[in-house]
Amino acid sequence: MQRRYALRVETRALGAAQILLGFFHCALGILCECLFIREAGLQRVGYIPTFVMIIYAFWSAPYYITSGAISVAAQRKGSQYQCVSGIVMNILSACFAVLGAVALIIACASFQSEEDYTWTQLAGTMLLHYLLFIAVSELIIASITIHWIVQALQYQEYGDESSSLSEFSISS
């Protein structure tokens, strides 16, 4: 019989939050694409910050969603394979969140105008701040989830049908 690991119940809620953050991230990426490319044009904002924001928003959202879904599945069933894949996906998600936070901070710093700000530039700044907030939130959630899964793997519960090496040597 396969060994099960007991994860905290809150892991499911954090996984659901990761899924929602991934969907919000994708929606904000669509808004950035509509605002900067279709509405305002790239010349006003700049090519680099625009493409960095849009590419980051679309490339990180699947990682956020997948890490949340695997965390929820690991909390439900708790097999070793699901726990390890939950750790791997949450590490990847945290790496994307760190890279995104750094890129978004640089984009926020370079997002300046010589003239008065237009509504598209103000809306773009607001979208940058929302993307940054989501990236930091994802980093915090992924870190907590990784910590809880590692704790569950270290302090495993033995069922009636499972045995460890120490249990085997005592009963022999």
N, C-alpha and C. Protein backbone atom coordinates (compact mmCIF):
# COMPACT_ATOMS: atom_id res chain seq x y z
N MET A 1 0.84 -1.18 0.00
CA MET A 1 0.00 0.00 0.00
C MET A 1 0.89 1.24 0.00
N GLN A 2 0.44 2.24 -0.72
CA GLN A 2 1.21 3.47 -0.86
C GLN A 2 1.12 4.31 0.41
N ARG A 3 2.27 4.86 0.82
CA ARG A 3 2.34 5.67 2.02
C ARG A 3 1.70 7.03 1.75
N ARG A 4 0.93 7.51 2.71
CA ARG A 4 0.27 8.81 2.59
C ARG A 4 0.90 9.78 3.57
N TYR A 5 0.99 11.02 3.14
CA TYR A 5 1.57 12.08 3.96
C TYR A 5 0.47 13.06 4.32
N ALA A 6 0.42 13.42 5.58
CA ALA A 6 -0.63 14.31 6.07
C ALA A 6 -0.19 15.76 5.93
N LEU A 7 -0.80 16.45 4.99
CA LEU A 7 -0.54 17.89 4.83
C LEU A 7 -1.58 18.68 5.61
N ARG A 8 -1.24 19.89 5.95
CA ARG A 8 -2.19 20.75 6.65
C ARG A 8 -3.38 21.04 5.74
N VAL A 9 -4.53 21.22 6.34
CA VAL A 9 -5.76 21.49 5.59
C VAL A 9 -5.66 22.84 4.88
N GLU A 10 -4.90 23.75 5.46
CA GLU A 10 -4.76 25.08 4.86
C GLU A 10 -4.01 25.05 3.53
N THR A 11 -3.32 23.96 3.24
CA THR A 11 -2.61 23.83 1.98
C THR A 11 -3.58 23.90 0.81
N ARG A 12 -4.76 23.35 1.00
CA ARG A 12 -5.78 23.41 -0.06
C ARG A 12 -6.21 24.85 -0.32
N ALA A 13 -6.36 25.64 0.74
CA ALA A 13 -6.76 27.04 0.56
C ALA A 13 -5.64 27.84 -0.11
N LEU A 14 -4.39 27.57 0.26
CA LEU A 14 -3.29 28.26 -0.40
C LEU A 14 -3.17 27.85 -1.86
N GLY A 15 -3.44 26.59 -2.16
CA GLY A 15 -3.43 26.14 -3.56
C GLY A 15 -4.53 26.83 -4.37
N ALA A 16 -5.71 26.98 -3.77
CA ALA A 16 -6.79 27.70 -4.45
C ALA A 16 -6.42 29.16 -4.66
N ALA A 17 -5.73 29.75 -3.69
CA ALA A 17 -5.27 31.14 -3.85
C ALA A 17 -4.25 31.25 -4.97
N GLN A 18 -3.37 30.25 -5.10
CA GLN A 18 -2.40 30.26 -6.20
C GLN A 18 -3.11 30.17 -7.55
N ILE A 19 -4.14 29.35 -7.63
CA ILE A 19 -4.89 29.23 -8.88
C ILE A 19 -5.55 30.56 -9.23
N LEU A 20 -6.16 31.20 -8.24
CA LEU A 20 -6.80 32.50 -8.49
C LEU A 20 -5.78 33.57 -8.87
N LEU A 21 -4.63 33.57 -8.21
CA LEU A 21 -3.58 34.53 -8.57
C LEU A 21 -3.10 34.31 -10.00
N GLY A 22 -3.03 33.06 -10.42
CA GLY A 22 -2.65 32.76 -11.81
C GLY A 22 -3.67 33.29 -12.81
N PHE A 23 -4.95 33.12 -12.50
CA PHE A 23 -5.99 33.66 -13.39
C PHE A 23 -5.99 35.19 -13.39
N PHE A 24 -5.79 35.80 -12.23
CA PHE A 24 -5.69 37.26 -12.18
C PHE A 24 -4.49 37.76 -12.98
N HIS A 25 -3.40 37.03 -12.86
CA HIS A 25 -2.19 37.38 -13.59
C HIS A 25 -2.41 37.35 -15.09
N CYS A 26 -3.08 36.31 -15.54
CA CYS A 26 -3.39 36.19 -16.97
C CYS A 26 -4.33 37.31 -17.41
N ALA A 27 -5.33 37.62 -16.61
CA ALA A 27 -6.27 38.70 -16.95
C ALA A 27 -5.56 40.05 -17.00
N LEU A 28 -4.65 40.29 -16.06
CA LEU A 28 -3.89 41.54 -16.09
C LEU A 28 -2.95 41.59 -17.29
N GLY A 29 -2.45 40.44 -17.72
CA GLY A 29 -1.63 40.39 -18.94
C GLY A 29 -2.44 40.75 -20.17
N ILE A 30 -3.67 40.28 -20.21
CA ILE A 30 -4.56 40.64 -21.33
C ILE A 30 -4.86 42.13 -21.30
N LEU A 31 -5.10 42.67 -20.11
CA LEU A 31 -5.34 44.11 -20.00
C LEU A 31 -4.12 44.93 -20.43
N CYS A 32 -2.93 44.48 -20.03
CA CYS A 32 -1.71 45.17 -20.46
C CYS A 32 -1.56 45.12 -21.97
N GLU A 33 -1.83 43.98 -22.54
CA GLU A 33 -1.72 43.84 -23.99
C GLU A 33 -2.72 44.74 -24.70
N CYS A 34 -3.94 44.78 -24.23
CA CYS A 34 -4.96 45.65 -24.85
C CYS A 34 -4.62 47.12 -24.66
N LEU A 35 -4.15 47.47 -23.50
CA LEU A 35 -3.87 48.88 -23.21
C LEU A 35 -2.65 49.39 -23.95
N PHE A 36 -1.55 48.64 -23.88
CA PHE A 36 -0.30 49.17 -24.41
C PHE A 36 -0.12 48.93 -25.91
N ILE A 37 -0.54 47.81 -26.40
CA ILE A 37 -0.30 47.52 -27.81
C ILE A 37 -1.44 48.03 -28.69
N ARG A 38 -2.65 47.76 -28.29
CA ARG A 38 -3.77 48.15 -29.15
C ARG A 38 -4.21 49.59 -28.94
N GLU A 39 -4.21 50.05 -27.70
CA GLU A 39 -4.76 51.37 -27.39
C GLU A 39 -3.73 52.49 -27.53
N ALA A 40 -2.63 52.38 -26.81
CA ALA A 40 -1.69 53.50 -26.72
C ALA A 40 -0.55 53.42 -27.72
N GLY A 41 -0.20 52.25 -28.17
CA GLY A 41 0.96 52.11 -29.04
C GLY A 41 2.22 51.96 -28.20
N LEU A 42 3.21 51.34 -28.79
CA LEU A 42 4.43 51.04 -28.04
C LEU A 42 5.35 52.24 -27.88
N GLN A 43 5.21 53.26 -28.74
CA GLN A 43 6.14 54.38 -28.70
C GLN A 43 6.04 55.18 -27.41
N ARG A 44 4.85 55.34 -26.87
CA ARG A 44 4.68 56.15 -25.66
C ARG A 44 5.27 55.47 -24.43
N VAL A 45 5.08 54.18 -24.34
CA VAL A 45 5.48 53.46 -23.13
C VAL A 45 6.91 52.94 -23.24
N GLY A 46 7.27 52.46 -24.39
CA GLY A 46 8.59 51.87 -24.59
C GLY A 46 8.46 50.39 -24.87
N TYR A 47 9.34 49.89 -25.70
CA TYR A 47 9.25 48.49 -26.13
C TYR A 47 9.61 47.52 -25.02
N ILE A 48 10.68 47.79 -24.31
CA ILE A 48 11.18 46.84 -23.31
C ILE A 48 10.20 46.65 -22.15
N PRO A 49 9.75 47.69 -21.46
CA PRO A 49 8.83 47.45 -20.34
C PRO A 49 7.53 46.78 -20.78
N THR A 50 7.05 47.13 -21.97
CA THR A 50 5.81 46.54 -22.44
C THR A 50 5.95 45.06 -22.68
N PHE A 51 6.98 44.68 -23.40
CA PHE A 51 7.15 43.26 -23.70
C PHE A 51 7.51 42.45 -22.46
N VAL A 52 8.27 43.04 -21.56
CA VAL A 52 8.60 42.34 -20.31
C VAL A 52 7.34 42.06 -19.51
N MET A 53 6.47 43.06 -19.40
CA MET A 53 5.23 42.87 -18.63
C MET A 53 4.34 41.81 -19.25
N ILE A 54 4.14 41.90 -20.54
CA ILE A 54 3.21 40.99 -21.21
C ILE A 54 3.75 39.57 -21.22
N ILE A 55 5.01 39.40 -21.56
CA ILE A 55 5.60 38.06 -21.59
C ILE A 55 5.61 37.45 -20.19
N TYR A 56 5.98 38.24 -19.19
CA TYR A 56 5.98 37.72 -17.82
C TYR A 56 4.58 37.31 -17.37
N ALA A 57 3.59 38.13 -17.69
CA ALA A 57 2.23 37.83 -17.26
C ALA A 57 1.71 36.53 -17.88
N PHE A 58 2.03 36.29 -19.14
CA PHE A 58 1.52 35.09 -19.79
C PHE A 58 2.37 33.85 -19.51
N TRP A 59 3.65 34.00 -19.25
CA TRP A 59 4.49 32.84 -18.98
C TRP A 59 4.43 32.38 -17.53
N SER A 60 4.12 33.27 -16.63
CA SER A 60 4.10 32.86 -15.22
C SER A 60 2.74 32.33 -14.79
N ALA A 61 1.68 32.75 -15.43
CA ALA A 61 0.33 32.32 -15.03
C ALA A 61 0.16 30.80 -15.05
N PRO A 62 0.61 30.07 -16.08
CA PRO A 62 0.46 28.61 -16.03
C PRO A 62 1.23 27.96 -14.88
N TYR A 63 2.37 28.51 -14.52
CA TYR A 63 3.12 27.96 -13.39
C TYR A 63 2.37 28.18 -12.08
N TYR A 64 1.78 29.36 -11.92
CA TYR A 64 1.01 29.63 -10.71
C TYR A 64 -0.18 28.70 -10.62
N ILE A 65 -0.89 28.54 -11.72
CA ILE A 65 -2.09 27.69 -11.72
C ILE A 65 -1.71 26.23 -11.48
N THR A 66 -0.66 25.76 -12.15
CA THR A 66 -0.25 24.36 -11.99
C THR A 66 0.25 24.07 -10.57
N SER A 67 1.02 24.98 -10.00
CA SER A 67 1.51 24.74 -8.65
C SER A 67 0.36 24.73 -7.64
N GLY A 68 -0.65 25.58 -7.86
CA GLY A 68 -1.81 25.55 -6.98
C GLY A 68 -2.61 24.27 -7.12
N ALA A 69 -2.78 23.80 -8.35
CA ALA A 69 -3.54 22.56 -8.56
C ALA A 69 -2.82 21.36 -7.98
N ILE A 70 -1.51 21.32 -8.12
CA ILE A 70 -0.75 20.20 -7.55
C ILE A 70 -0.75 20.26 -6.02
N SER A 71 -0.72 21.46 -5.46
CA SER A 71 -0.79 21.59 -4.00
C SER A 71 -2.13 21.10 -3.47
N VAL A 72 -3.21 21.42 -4.17
CA VAL A 72 -4.53 20.93 -3.75
C VAL A 72 -4.60 19.41 -3.86
N ALA A 73 -4.07 18.87 -4.96
CA ALA A 73 -4.08 17.41 -5.13
C ALA A 73 -3.21 16.71 -4.09
N ALA A 74 -2.08 17.31 -3.75
CA ALA A 74 -1.20 16.72 -2.73
C ALA A 74 -1.87 16.74 -1.37
N GLN A 75 -2.65 17.76 -1.08
CA GLN A 75 -3.33 17.81 0.22
C GLN A 75 -4.42 16.77 0.28
N ARG A 76 -5.08 16.51 -0.83
CA ARG A 76 -6.17 15.53 -0.83
C ARG A 76 -5.66 14.10 -0.67
N LYS A 77 -4.72 13.71 -1.52
CA LYS A 77 -4.28 12.32 -1.53
C LYS A 77 -2.99 12.11 -0.76
N GLY A 78 -2.06 13.01 -0.86
CA GLY A 78 -0.85 12.98 -0.05
C GLY A 78 0.15 11.89 -0.38
N SER A 79 0.25 11.45 -1.64
CA SER A 79 1.28 10.47 -1.97
C SER A 79 2.63 11.17 -2.08
N GLN A 80 3.69 10.36 -2.03
CA GLN A 80 5.03 10.94 -2.09
C GLN A 80 5.27 11.62 -3.43
N TYR A 81 4.79 11.03 -4.51
CA TYR A 81 4.95 11.61 -5.83
C TYR A 81 4.27 12.98 -5.92
N GLN A 82 3.07 13.10 -5.38
CA GLN A 82 2.36 14.38 -5.42
C GLN A 82 3.04 15.42 -4.53
N CYS A 83 3.56 15.00 -3.39
CA CYS A 83 4.26 15.95 -2.51
C CYS A 83 5.54 16.45 -3.16
N VAL A 84 6.30 15.56 -3.78
CA VAL A 84 7.54 15.98 -4.43
C VAL A 84 7.24 16.87 -5.63
N SER A 85 6.24 16.51 -6.42
CA SER A 85 5.90 17.37 -7.56
C SER A 85 5.32 18.70 -7.08
N GLY A 86 4.66 18.72 -5.95
CA GLY A 86 4.20 19.98 -5.36
C GLY A 86 5.36 20.87 -4.96
N ILE A 87 6.41 20.27 -4.39
CA ILE A 87 7.60 21.04 -4.03
C ILE A 87 8.27 21.60 -5.28
N VAL A 88 8.42 20.76 -6.31
CA VAL A 88 9.09 21.20 -7.54
C VAL A 88 8.32 22.34 -8.20
N MET A 89 7.01 22.19 -8.34
CA MET A 89 6.22 23.23 -9.01
C MET A 89 6.17 24.52 -8.18
N ASN A 90 6.12 24.40 -6.87
CA ASN A 90 6.13 25.60 -6.04
C ASN A 90 7.49 26.30 -6.07
N ILE A 91 8.57 25.54 -6.21
CA ILE A 91 9.89 26.17 -6.36
C ILE A 91 9.97 26.90 -7.69
N LEU A 92 9.48 26.28 -8.76
CA LEU A 92 9.46 26.96 -10.06
C LEU A 92 8.58 28.20 -10.01
N SER A 93 7.45 28.08 -9.35
CA SER A 93 6.55 29.22 -9.22
C SER A 93 7.19 30.35 -8.42
N ALA A 94 7.91 30.00 -7.36
CA ALA A 94 8.60 31.02 -6.57
C ALA A 94 9.72 31.68 -7.38
N CYS A 95 10.41 30.89 -8.20
CA CYS A 95 11.46 31.46 -9.05
C CYS A 95 10.86 32.45 -10.06
N PHE A 96 9.74 32.08 -10.67
CA PHE A 96 9.08 33.00 -11.59
C PHE A 96 8.60 34.24 -10.86
N ALA A 97 8.14 34.09 -9.62
CA ALA A 97 7.68 35.25 -8.86
C ALA A 97 8.84 36.19 -8.54
N VAL A 98 10.00 35.64 -8.19
CA VAL A 98 11.16 36.48 -7.89
C VAL A 98 11.63 37.20 -9.16
N LEU A 99 11.75 36.46 -10.26
CA LEU A 99 12.15 37.10 -11.52
C LEU A 99 11.16 38.17 -11.94
N GLY A 100 9.88 37.88 -11.78
CA GLY A 100 8.86 38.85 -12.14
C GLY A 100 8.89 40.08 -11.24
N ALA A 101 9.11 39.87 -9.96
CA ALA A 101 9.15 41.02 -9.05
C ALA A 101 10.32 41.93 -9.40
N VAL A 102 11.47 41.34 -9.70
CA VAL A 102 12.63 42.15 -10.07
C VAL A 102 12.36 42.89 -11.38
N ALA A 103 11.82 42.18 -12.38
CA ALA A 103 11.53 42.81 -13.67
C ALA A 103 10.47 43.90 -13.53
N LEU A 104 9.47 43.67 -12.70
CA LEU A 104 8.41 44.66 -12.53
C LEU A 104 8.90 45.88 -11.74
N ILE A 105 9.80 45.68 -10.80
CA ILE A 105 10.37 46.83 -10.08
C ILE A 105 11.19 47.68 -11.04
N ILE A 106 11.96 47.02 -11.90
CA ILE A 106 12.73 47.77 -12.91
C ILE A 106 11.80 48.48 -13.88
N ALA A 107 10.72 47.80 -14.29
CA ALA A 107 9.77 48.42 -15.21
C ALA A 107 9.06 49.60 -14.54
N CYS A 108 8.74 49.48 -13.26
CA CYS A 108 8.11 50.60 -12.55
C CYS A 108 9.05 51.79 -12.47
N ALA A 109 10.33 51.52 -12.26
CA ALA A 109 11.31 52.61 -12.16
C ALA A 109 11.55 53.28 -13.51
N SER A 110 11.46 52.51 -14.59
CA SER A 110 11.71 53.08 -15.92
C SER A 110 10.46 53.63 -16.58
N PHE A 111 9.33 53.51 -15.93
CA PHE A 111 8.05 53.94 -16.49
C PHE A 111 7.82 55.40 -16.14
N GLN A 112 8.50 56.29 -16.84
CA GLN A 112 8.39 57.71 -16.56
C GLN A 112 8.11 58.46 -17.85
N SER A 113 7.55 59.61 -17.70
CA SER A 113 7.22 60.45 -18.84
C SER A 113 7.84 61.83 -18.64
N GLU A 114 8.29 62.44 -19.74
CA GLU A 114 8.83 63.79 -19.67
C GLU A 114 7.71 64.82 -19.57
N GLU A 115 6.55 64.47 -20.08
CA GLU A 115 5.41 65.38 -20.09
C GLU A 115 4.44 64.96 -18.99
N ASP A 116 3.25 65.53 -19.07
CA ASP A 116 2.20 65.11 -18.15
C ASP A 116 1.78 63.68 -18.48
N TYR A 117 1.40 62.97 -17.43
CA TYR A 117 0.96 61.60 -17.62
C TYR A 117 -0.42 61.58 -18.27
N THR A 118 -0.60 60.65 -19.20
CA THR A 118 -1.91 60.45 -19.79
C THR A 118 -2.61 59.33 -19.03
N TRP A 119 -3.86 59.11 -19.34
CA TRP A 119 -4.60 58.09 -18.62
C TRP A 119 -4.05 56.70 -18.90
N THR A 120 -3.52 56.47 -20.10
CA THR A 120 -2.95 55.15 -20.39
C THR A 120 -1.69 54.89 -19.58
N GLN A 121 -0.89 55.92 -19.34
CA GLN A 121 0.30 55.74 -18.53
C GLN A 121 -0.05 55.52 -17.06
N LEU A 122 -1.07 56.22 -16.59
CA LEU A 122 -1.51 56.00 -15.20
C LEU A 122 -2.10 54.60 -15.03
N ALA A 123 -2.90 54.18 -16.01
CA ALA A 123 -3.48 52.83 -15.96
C ALA A 123 -2.38 51.78 -16.07
N GLY A 124 -1.38 52.05 -16.90
CA GLY A 124 -0.26 51.11 -17.01
C GLY A 124 0.53 51.00 -15.73
N THR A 125 0.73 52.11 -15.05
CA THR A 125 1.42 52.08 -13.76
C THR A 125 0.62 51.28 -12.74
N MET A 126 -0.68 51.46 -12.76
CA MET A 126 -1.54 50.71 -11.85
C MET A 126 -1.48 49.21 -12.15
N LEU A 127 -1.47 48.84 -13.43
CA LEU A 127 -1.36 47.43 -13.80
C LEU A 127 -0.01 46.85 -13.37
N LEU A 128 1.04 47.64 -13.50
CA LEU A 128 2.35 47.19 -13.02
C LEU A 128 2.34 46.92 -11.52
N HIS A 129 1.71 47.80 -10.77
CA HIS A 129 1.65 47.62 -9.32
C HIS A 129 0.82 46.39 -8.95
N TYR A 130 -0.27 46.15 -9.67
CA TYR A 130 -1.06 44.94 -9.41
C TYR A 130 -0.27 43.68 -9.74
N LEU A 131 0.44 43.69 -10.86
CA LEU A 131 1.27 42.54 -11.22
C LEU A 131 2.35 42.31 -10.17
N LEU A 132 2.94 43.37 -9.67
CA LEU A 132 3.96 43.25 -8.63
C LEU A 132 3.37 42.70 -7.34
N PHE A 133 2.19 43.17 -6.97
CA PHE A 133 1.52 42.66 -5.77
C PHE A 133 1.23 41.17 -5.90
N ILE A 134 0.77 40.75 -7.07
CA ILE A 134 0.47 39.33 -7.29
C ILE A 134 1.76 38.50 -7.24
N ALA A 135 2.84 39.01 -7.82
CA ALA A 135 4.11 38.27 -7.80
C ALA A 135 4.61 38.09 -6.37
N VAL A 136 4.53 39.13 -5.56
CA VAL A 136 4.98 39.02 -4.17
C VAL A 136 4.06 38.09 -3.38
N SER A 137 2.76 38.17 -3.63
CA SER A 137 1.81 37.27 -2.95
C SER A 137 2.09 35.82 -3.33
N GLU A 138 2.36 35.57 -4.59
CA GLU A 138 2.67 34.21 -5.04
C GLU A 138 3.95 33.71 -4.41
N LEU A 139 4.94 34.56 -4.27
CA LEU A 139 6.19 34.17 -3.62
C LEU A 139 5.96 33.78 -2.17
N ILE A 140 5.16 34.54 -1.46
CA ILE A 140 4.87 34.23 -0.06
C ILE A 140 4.09 32.92 0.06
N ILE A 141 3.07 32.76 -0.78
CA ILE A 141 2.24 31.55 -0.72
C ILE A 141 3.06 30.32 -1.10
N ALA A 142 3.88 30.42 -2.14
CA ALA A 142 4.70 29.29 -2.55
C ALA A 142 5.70 28.91 -1.46
N SER A 143 6.27 29.90 -0.80
CA SER A 143 7.23 29.61 0.28
C SER A 143 6.56 28.89 1.44
N ILE A 144 5.38 29.34 1.82
CA ILE A 144 4.65 28.69 2.91
C ILE A 144 4.26 27.27 2.52
N THR A 145 3.80 27.09 1.30
CA THR A 145 3.39 25.76 0.84
C THR A 145 4.58 24.81 0.79
N ILE A 146 5.72 25.28 0.30
CA ILE A 146 6.92 24.43 0.27
C ILE A 146 7.30 24.02 1.70
N HIS A 147 7.25 24.95 2.62
CA HIS A 147 7.59 24.66 4.02
C HIS A 147 6.66 23.59 4.59
N TRP A 148 5.36 23.71 4.34
CA TRP A 148 4.41 22.74 4.88
C TRP A 148 4.58 21.37 4.25
N ILE A 149 4.86 21.30 2.95
CA ILE A 149 5.04 20.00 2.31
C ILE A 149 6.31 19.33 2.80
N VAL A 150 7.38 20.10 2.96
CA VAL A 150 8.63 19.54 3.48
C VAL A 150 8.43 19.03 4.91
N GLN A 151 7.67 19.77 5.71
CA GLN A 151 7.36 19.29 7.07
C GLN A 151 6.58 17.98 7.02
N ALA A 152 5.63 17.88 6.11
CA ALA A 152 4.84 16.65 6.01
C ALA A 152 5.70 15.48 5.56
N LEU A 153 6.67 15.72 4.69
CA LEU A 153 7.55 14.64 4.26
C LEU A 153 8.51 14.22 5.37
N GLN A 154 8.91 15.15 6.20
CA GLN A 154 9.82 14.81 7.30
C GLN A 154 9.11 14.09 8.43
N TYR A 155 7.92 14.51 8.76
CA TYR A 155 7.16 13.93 9.86
C TYR A 155 6.02 13.11 9.30
N GLN A 156 6.37 12.02 8.67
CA GLN A 156 5.37 11.19 8.02
C GLN A 156 4.62 10.35 9.06
N GLU A 157 3.38 10.09 8.76
CA GLU A 157 2.57 9.25 9.63
C GLU A 157 2.55 7.85 9.06
N TYR A 158 2.78 6.89 9.92
CA TYR A 158 2.76 5.50 9.48
C TYR A 158 1.38 4.92 9.74
N GLY A 159 0.83 4.33 8.72
CA GLY A 159 -0.48 3.69 8.87
C GLY A 159 -0.33 2.30 9.44
N ASP A 160 -1.43 1.58 9.48
CA ASP A 160 -1.41 0.23 10.03
C ASP A 160 -0.63 -0.72 9.14
N GLU A 161 -0.69 -0.52 7.83
CA GLU A 161 -0.07 -1.47 6.92
C GLU A 161 1.33 -1.05 6.49
N SER A 162 1.78 0.12 6.90
CA SER A 162 3.13 0.55 6.50
C SER A 162 4.11 0.20 7.60
N SER A 163 5.34 0.03 7.21
CA SER A 163 6.36 -0.28 8.20
C SER A 163 7.64 0.44 7.81
N SER A 164 8.39 0.81 8.81
CA SER A 164 9.68 1.44 8.56
C SER A 164 10.76 0.46 8.97
N LEU A 165 12.00 0.83 8.74
CA LEU A 165 13.12 -0.03 9.08
C LEU A 165 13.20 -0.24 10.59
N SER A 166 12.92 0.81 11.37
CA SER A 166 13.00 0.66 12.83
C SER A 166 11.88 -0.24 13.35
N GLU A 167 10.69 -0.16 12.76
CA GLU A 167 9.60 -1.04 13.17
C GLU A 167 9.91 -2.49 12.81
N PHE A 168 10.57 -2.70 11.69
CA PHE A 168 10.91 -4.04 11.26
C PHE A 168 11.96 -4.64 12.17
N SER A 169 12.94 -3.86 12.58
CA SER A 169 14.00 -4.40 13.43
C SER A 169 13.51 -4.67 14.85
N ILE A 170 12.54 -3.92 15.33
CA ILE A 170 12.00 -4.14 16.66
C ILE A 170 11.16 -5.42 16.69
N SER A 171 10.37 -5.64 15.64
CA SER A 171 9.47 -6.79 15.66
C SER A 171 10.19 -8.09 15.32
N SER A 172 11.41 -8.04 14.81
CA SER A 172 12.11 -9.27 14.41
C SER A 172 12.68 -10.01 15.56
